[in-house]
Amino acid sequence: MAWEQHRDAIMARWGSHGRRPAGFYEFDWDGHRPPYDLERSTLWRADKLTPEERVTLEAEWRAEFEAAQAPDFTLNDGSGELLVGDCARAAHYRWADIPDKLVKRWEKAERRRRERRPTPLREETAAT
């Protein structure tokens, strides 16, 4: 079969950045091809990324996650409505196709970091 014979060359040329060519979904994937906007997180969850792709995508997703952490984070959802706070962050995570598992992990780490951060009241109490 042509796919088996040329798979490595085709994947080297078109199977990168969390994207896969049609042949991959036809012959190597069990199920329907995921929608384009969910392809990268789908391949991440299925552990079908190369180690390099995984590192690159996770760094990209982390940057998008960090961008949404500003206390005044807002997002125009395209409908004319301006989303604010947690709703805006959730929409941004969906837009960036960040896997829920990573969002939960990073949110937990963010909460722990905020809890460890000294507040002015704690600093004053410690100084007295």
N, C-alpha and C. Protein backbone atom coordinates (compact mmCIF):
# COMPACT_ATOMS: atom_id res chain seq x y z
N MET A 1 0.84 -1.17 0.00
CA MET A 1 0.00 0.00 0.00
C MET A 1 0.90 1.25 0.00
N ALA A 2 0.47 2.26 -0.72
CA ALA A 2 1.26 3.49 -0.88
C ALA A 2 1.49 4.18 0.47
N TRP A 3 0.46 4.22 1.32
CA TRP A 3 0.62 4.88 2.62
C TRP A 3 1.73 4.22 3.43
N GLU A 4 1.71 2.90 3.52
CA GLU A 4 2.73 2.19 4.28
C GLU A 4 4.12 2.44 3.71
N GLN A 5 4.20 2.49 2.39
CA GLN A 5 5.48 2.66 1.72
C GLN A 5 6.03 4.08 1.91
N HIS A 6 5.16 5.09 1.93
CA HIS A 6 5.61 6.49 1.94
C HIS A 6 5.23 7.24 3.22
N ARG A 7 4.71 6.51 4.19
CA ARG A 7 4.23 7.13 5.43
C ARG A 7 5.28 8.03 6.07
N ASP A 8 6.48 7.54 6.29
CA ASP A 8 7.51 8.32 6.98
C ASP A 8 7.83 9.62 6.24
N ALA A 9 7.93 9.55 4.92
CA ALA A 9 8.23 10.77 4.14
C ALA A 9 7.06 11.75 4.20
N ILE A 10 5.84 11.24 4.10
CA ILE A 10 4.65 12.11 4.15
C ILE A 10 4.53 12.75 5.54
N MET A 11 4.71 11.95 6.58
CA MET A 11 4.61 12.49 7.93
C MET A 11 5.72 13.50 8.21
N ALA A 12 6.92 13.25 7.69
CA ALA A 12 8.03 14.20 7.88
C ALA A 12 7.72 15.53 7.22
N ARG A 13 7.03 15.49 6.10
CA ARG A 13 6.74 16.72 5.37
C ARG A 13 5.49 17.44 5.88
N TRP A 14 4.42 16.68 6.19
CA TRP A 14 3.13 17.31 6.52
C TRP A 14 2.60 16.98 7.91
N GLY A 15 3.26 16.12 8.64
CA GLY A 15 2.77 15.75 9.97
C GLY A 15 3.56 16.43 11.06
N SER A 16 3.30 17.70 11.26
CA SER A 16 4.06 18.44 12.27
C SER A 16 3.19 19.53 12.89
N HIS A 17 3.70 20.15 13.95
CA HIS A 17 3.01 21.24 14.64
C HIS A 17 1.63 20.83 15.15
N GLY A 18 1.50 19.55 15.46
CA GLY A 18 0.21 19.07 15.98
C GLY A 18 -0.84 18.90 14.90
N ARG A 19 -0.42 18.82 13.67
CA ARG A 19 -1.33 18.61 12.53
C ARG A 19 -0.92 17.33 11.81
N ARG A 20 -1.89 16.68 11.19
CA ARG A 20 -1.61 15.45 10.47
C ARG A 20 -2.28 15.48 9.10
N PRO A 21 -1.62 14.84 8.11
CA PRO A 21 -2.22 14.77 6.77
C PRO A 21 -3.41 13.80 6.75
N ALA A 22 -4.21 13.89 5.71
CA ALA A 22 -5.41 13.06 5.59
C ALA A 22 -5.08 11.56 5.67
N GLY A 23 -3.95 11.14 5.10
CA GLY A 23 -3.58 9.73 5.12
C GLY A 23 -3.44 9.19 6.53
N PHE A 24 -2.94 10.01 7.43
CA PHE A 24 -2.81 9.58 8.83
C PHE A 24 -4.18 9.22 9.38
N TYR A 25 -5.17 10.08 9.14
CA TYR A 25 -6.51 9.83 9.67
C TYR A 25 -7.21 8.69 8.94
N GLU A 26 -6.85 8.48 7.69
CA GLU A 26 -7.45 7.39 6.92
C GLU A 26 -6.91 6.03 7.35
N PHE A 27 -5.60 5.95 7.62
CA PHE A 27 -4.98 4.65 7.83
C PHE A 27 -4.43 4.39 9.24
N ASP A 28 -4.10 5.45 9.98
CA ASP A 28 -3.48 5.26 11.30
C ASP A 28 -4.35 5.68 12.47
N TRP A 29 -5.48 6.26 12.21
CA TRP A 29 -6.32 6.83 13.26
C TRP A 29 -7.60 6.02 13.39
N ASP A 30 -7.99 5.75 14.61
CA ASP A 30 -9.23 5.02 14.86
C ASP A 30 -10.34 6.03 15.13
N GLY A 31 -11.26 6.16 14.21
CA GLY A 31 -12.36 7.11 14.38
C GLY A 31 -12.33 8.20 13.34
N HIS A 32 -13.20 9.19 13.56
CA HIS A 32 -13.31 10.31 12.63
C HIS A 32 -12.17 11.30 12.84
N ARG A 33 -11.83 11.99 11.76
CA ARG A 33 -10.82 13.05 11.85
C ARG A 33 -11.38 14.16 12.73
N PRO A 34 -10.60 14.64 13.70
CA PRO A 34 -11.11 15.73 14.56
C PRO A 34 -11.22 17.04 13.77
N PRO A 35 -12.09 17.92 14.20
CA PRO A 35 -12.17 19.23 13.54
C PRO A 35 -10.82 19.94 13.64
N TYR A 36 -10.52 20.77 12.68
CA TYR A 36 -9.23 21.47 12.62
C TYR A 36 -8.93 22.20 13.92
N ASP A 37 -9.92 22.88 14.48
CA ASP A 37 -9.68 23.68 15.68
C ASP A 37 -9.48 22.85 16.94
N LEU A 38 -9.71 21.54 16.86
CA LEU A 38 -9.49 20.65 18.00
C LEU A 38 -8.42 19.59 17.72
N GLU A 39 -7.82 19.65 16.55
CA GLU A 39 -6.88 18.60 16.13
C GLU A 39 -5.69 18.46 17.07
N ARG A 40 -5.09 19.58 17.42
CA ARG A 40 -3.86 19.51 18.22
C ARG A 40 -4.13 18.94 19.61
N SER A 41 -5.19 19.39 20.28
CA SER A 41 -5.47 18.85 21.62
C SER A 41 -5.92 17.40 21.54
N THR A 42 -6.60 17.03 20.46
CA THR A 42 -7.02 15.63 20.28
C THR A 42 -5.81 14.72 20.15
N LEU A 43 -4.85 15.13 19.33
CA LEU A 43 -3.62 14.34 19.16
C LEU A 43 -2.81 14.32 20.46
N TRP A 44 -2.82 15.43 21.20
CA TRP A 44 -2.12 15.48 22.49
C TRP A 44 -2.73 14.47 23.46
N ARG A 45 -4.06 14.48 23.58
CA ARG A 45 -4.74 13.56 24.50
C ARG A 45 -4.53 12.10 24.09
N ALA A 46 -4.46 11.84 22.79
CA ALA A 46 -4.28 10.47 22.29
C ALA A 46 -2.81 10.06 22.29
N ASP A 47 -1.93 10.95 22.73
CA ASP A 47 -0.49 10.68 22.77
C ASP A 47 0.06 10.32 21.38
N LYS A 48 -0.37 11.09 20.38
CA LYS A 48 0.05 10.85 19.00
C LYS A 48 1.00 11.93 18.49
N LEU A 49 1.54 12.75 19.39
CA LEU A 49 2.50 13.78 19.01
C LEU A 49 3.91 13.28 19.23
N THR A 50 4.84 13.81 18.46
CA THR A 50 6.24 13.51 18.74
C THR A 50 6.62 14.25 20.02
N PRO A 51 7.68 13.80 20.69
CA PRO A 51 8.11 14.52 21.90
C PRO A 51 8.38 16.01 21.63
N GLU A 52 8.96 16.32 20.47
CA GLU A 52 9.25 17.71 20.13
C GLU A 52 7.96 18.51 19.95
N GLU A 53 6.98 17.92 19.26
CA GLU A 53 5.69 18.59 19.08
C GLU A 53 5.04 18.85 20.43
N ARG A 54 5.08 17.86 21.28
CA ARG A 54 4.44 17.98 22.61
C ARG A 54 5.04 19.14 23.40
N VAL A 55 6.37 19.21 23.44
CA VAL A 55 7.06 20.28 24.16
C VAL A 55 6.70 21.64 23.56
N THR A 56 6.73 21.74 22.24
CA THR A 56 6.44 23.00 21.56
C THR A 56 5.00 23.44 21.81
N LEU A 57 4.05 22.52 21.64
CA LEU A 57 2.64 22.86 21.84
C LEU A 57 2.36 23.23 23.29
N GLU A 58 2.91 22.47 24.23
CA GLU A 58 2.67 22.78 25.64
C GLU A 58 3.24 24.16 25.99
N ALA A 59 4.37 24.52 25.42
CA ALA A 59 4.93 25.86 25.67
C ALA A 59 4.02 26.94 25.06
N GLU A 60 3.52 26.69 23.87
CA GLU A 60 2.60 27.63 23.22
C GLU A 60 1.32 27.77 24.04
N TRP A 61 0.76 26.65 24.46
CA TRP A 61 -0.45 26.67 25.27
C TRP A 61 -0.20 27.36 26.60
N ARG A 62 0.96 27.12 27.19
CA ARG A 62 1.27 27.76 28.47
C ARG A 62 1.32 29.28 28.31
N ALA A 63 1.91 29.75 27.22
CA ALA A 63 1.96 31.19 26.96
C ALA A 63 0.55 31.77 26.82
N GLU A 64 -0.34 31.04 26.14
CA GLU A 64 -1.73 31.50 26.00
C GLU A 64 -2.43 31.48 27.36
N PHE A 65 -2.16 30.47 28.17
CA PHE A 65 -2.73 30.41 29.51
C PHE A 65 -2.26 31.60 30.33
N GLU A 66 -0.97 31.87 30.32
CA GLU A 66 -0.41 32.98 31.08
C GLU A 66 -0.99 34.32 30.63
N ALA A 67 -1.19 34.47 29.33
CA ALA A 67 -1.76 35.72 28.80
C ALA A 67 -3.14 35.99 29.37
N ALA A 68 -3.86 34.94 29.73
CA ALA A 68 -5.23 35.09 30.23
C ALA A 68 -5.29 35.26 31.75
N GLN A 69 -4.15 35.32 32.42
CA GLN A 69 -4.16 35.39 33.88
C GLN A 69 -4.27 36.81 34.43
N ALA A 70 -4.22 37.80 33.59
CA ALA A 70 -4.34 39.18 34.07
C ALA A 70 -5.68 39.35 34.78
N PRO A 71 -5.69 40.05 35.91
CA PRO A 71 -6.94 40.22 36.66
C PRO A 71 -8.05 40.88 35.84
N ASP A 72 -7.68 41.72 34.90
CA ASP A 72 -8.67 42.43 34.09
C ASP A 72 -8.80 41.82 32.69
N PHE A 73 -8.51 40.52 32.56
CA PHE A 73 -8.54 39.87 31.25
C PHE A 73 -9.94 39.95 30.64
N THR A 74 -10.01 40.41 29.41
CA THR A 74 -11.27 40.49 28.67
C THR A 74 -11.06 39.89 27.29
N LEU A 75 -12.14 39.50 26.66
CA LEU A 75 -12.07 38.88 25.34
C LEU A 75 -13.32 39.24 24.56
N ASN A 76 -13.13 39.68 23.33
CA ASN A 76 -14.24 39.91 22.43
C ASN A 76 -14.52 38.59 21.75
N ASP A 77 -15.69 38.01 21.98
CA ASP A 77 -15.98 36.68 21.44
C ASP A 77 -16.43 36.70 19.98
N GLY A 78 -16.41 37.87 19.36
CA GLY A 78 -16.77 37.97 17.95
C GLY A 78 -18.24 38.27 17.72
N SER A 79 -19.04 38.16 18.75
CA SER A 79 -20.48 38.43 18.61
C SER A 79 -20.81 39.85 19.01
N GLY A 80 -19.79 40.59 19.42
CA GLY A 80 -20.02 41.94 19.91
C GLY A 80 -20.07 41.99 21.42
N GLU A 81 -20.11 40.82 22.05
CA GLU A 81 -20.13 40.76 23.50
C GLU A 81 -18.70 40.72 24.02
N LEU A 82 -18.45 41.47 25.09
CA LEU A 82 -17.14 41.48 25.71
C LEU A 82 -17.19 40.58 26.94
N LEU A 83 -16.40 39.50 26.91
CA LEU A 83 -16.34 38.58 28.04
C LEU A 83 -15.29 39.06 29.02
N VAL A 84 -15.54 38.82 30.30
CA VAL A 84 -14.65 39.31 31.36
C VAL A 84 -14.34 38.18 32.33
N GLY A 85 -13.14 38.21 32.91
CA GLY A 85 -12.77 37.29 33.98
C GLY A 85 -12.76 35.83 33.56
N ASP A 86 -13.34 34.98 34.42
CA ASP A 86 -13.31 33.53 34.19
C ASP A 86 -13.98 33.12 32.88
N CYS A 87 -15.07 33.79 32.51
CA CYS A 87 -15.74 33.48 31.24
C CYS A 87 -14.81 33.78 30.06
N ALA A 88 -14.11 34.89 30.14
CA ALA A 88 -13.17 35.27 29.08
C ALA A 88 -12.02 34.27 29.02
N ARG A 89 -11.52 33.88 30.19
CA ARG A 89 -10.41 32.91 30.22
C ARG A 89 -10.84 31.58 29.61
N ALA A 90 -12.01 31.08 30.00
CA ALA A 90 -12.50 29.80 29.45
C ALA A 90 -12.64 29.87 27.94
N ALA A 91 -13.16 30.97 27.43
CA ALA A 91 -13.31 31.13 25.97
C ALA A 91 -11.94 31.19 25.30
N HIS A 92 -11.00 31.85 25.94
CA HIS A 92 -9.64 31.93 25.39
C HIS A 92 -8.99 30.56 25.34
N TYR A 93 -9.16 29.78 26.41
CA TYR A 93 -8.59 28.43 26.43
C TYR A 93 -9.18 27.57 25.31
N ARG A 94 -10.50 27.71 25.09
CA ARG A 94 -11.13 26.95 23.99
C ARG A 94 -10.58 27.41 22.64
N TRP A 95 -10.45 28.72 22.46
CA TRP A 95 -9.92 29.26 21.20
C TRP A 95 -8.51 28.73 20.95
N ALA A 96 -7.69 28.70 22.00
CA ALA A 96 -6.30 28.25 21.86
C ALA A 96 -6.19 26.72 21.81
N ASP A 97 -7.31 26.02 22.02
CA ASP A 97 -7.35 24.56 22.00
C ASP A 97 -6.45 23.95 23.07
N ILE A 98 -6.42 24.57 24.23
CA ILE A 98 -5.62 24.05 25.34
C ILE A 98 -6.37 22.88 25.98
N PRO A 99 -5.74 21.72 26.08
CA PRO A 99 -6.42 20.58 26.72
C PRO A 99 -6.84 20.91 28.15
N ASP A 100 -8.05 20.48 28.52
CA ASP A 100 -8.59 20.74 29.86
C ASP A 100 -7.65 20.25 30.95
N LYS A 101 -7.01 19.12 30.73
CA LYS A 101 -6.11 18.56 31.73
C LYS A 101 -4.97 19.53 32.05
N LEU A 102 -4.44 20.19 31.02
CA LEU A 102 -3.37 21.17 31.25
C LEU A 102 -3.91 22.41 31.96
N VAL A 103 -5.08 22.88 31.53
CA VAL A 103 -5.68 24.06 32.18
C VAL A 103 -5.87 23.79 33.67
N LYS A 104 -6.41 22.63 34.01
CA LYS A 104 -6.64 22.30 35.42
C LYS A 104 -5.32 22.24 36.18
N ARG A 105 -4.31 21.63 35.58
CA ARG A 105 -3.00 21.53 36.24
C ARG A 105 -2.41 22.92 36.48
N TRP A 106 -2.47 23.78 35.46
CA TRP A 106 -1.89 25.12 35.59
C TRP A 106 -2.71 26.01 36.52
N GLU A 107 -4.03 25.86 36.51
CA GLU A 107 -4.86 26.63 37.44
C GLU A 107 -4.54 26.24 38.89
N LYS A 108 -4.37 24.96 39.12
CA LYS A 108 -4.04 24.49 40.47
C LYS A 108 -2.69 25.07 40.90
N ALA A 109 -1.71 25.04 40.03
CA ALA A 109 -0.39 25.60 40.34
C ALA A 109 -0.48 27.10 40.56
N GLU A 110 -1.30 27.77 39.79
CA GLU A 110 -1.50 29.22 39.93
C GLU A 110 -2.12 29.54 41.30
N ARG A 111 -3.12 28.76 41.71
CA ARG A 111 -3.74 28.96 43.03
C ARG A 111 -2.72 28.75 44.15
N ARG A 112 -1.93 27.69 44.05
CA ARG A 112 -0.91 27.43 45.07
C ARG A 112 0.09 28.57 45.14
N ARG A 113 0.48 29.08 43.97
CA ARG A 113 1.44 30.17 43.92
C ARG A 113 0.86 31.43 44.57
N ARG A 114 -0.42 31.72 44.29
CA ARG A 114 -1.06 32.88 44.91
C ARG A 114 -1.17 32.72 46.42
N GLU A 115 -1.47 31.51 46.86
CA GLU A 115 -1.60 31.26 48.30
C GLU A 115 -0.27 31.41 49.03
N ARG A 116 0.82 31.07 48.38
CA ARG A 116 2.15 31.18 48.99
C ARG A 116 2.69 32.61 48.96
N ARG A 117 2.14 33.42 48.04
CA ARG A 117 2.63 34.79 47.90
C ARG A 117 2.29 35.58 49.16
N PRO A 118 3.28 36.25 49.75
CA PRO A 118 2.99 37.02 50.96
C PRO A 118 2.07 38.20 50.66
N THR A 119 1.12 38.41 51.53
CA THR A 119 0.23 39.57 51.41
C THR A 119 0.79 40.67 52.30
N PRO A 120 0.43 41.91 52.06
CA PRO A 120 0.93 42.99 52.92
C PRO A 120 0.60 42.75 54.40
N LEU A 121 -0.57 42.18 54.70
CA LEU A 121 -0.94 41.92 56.08
C LEU A 121 0.01 40.88 56.70
N ARG A 122 0.34 39.85 55.96
CA ARG A 122 1.26 38.83 56.47
C ARG A 122 2.64 39.41 56.69
N GLU A 123 3.08 40.27 55.80
CA GLU A 123 4.39 40.89 55.94
C GLU A 123 4.45 41.77 57.17
N GLU A 124 3.36 42.56 57.40
CA GLU A 124 3.33 43.42 58.58
C GLU A 124 3.33 42.60 59.86
N THR A 125 2.55 41.52 59.89
CA THR A 125 2.49 40.68 61.07
C THR A 125 3.85 40.04 61.35
N ALA A 126 4.53 39.63 60.33
CA ALA A 126 5.84 39.01 60.48
C ALA A 126 6.88 40.02 60.97
N ALA A 127 6.72 41.28 60.59
CA ALA A 127 7.69 42.31 60.97
C ALA A 127 7.53 42.71 62.44
N THR A 128 6.35 42.53 63.02
CA THR A 128 6.13 42.95 64.42
C THR A 128 6.50 41.91 65.42
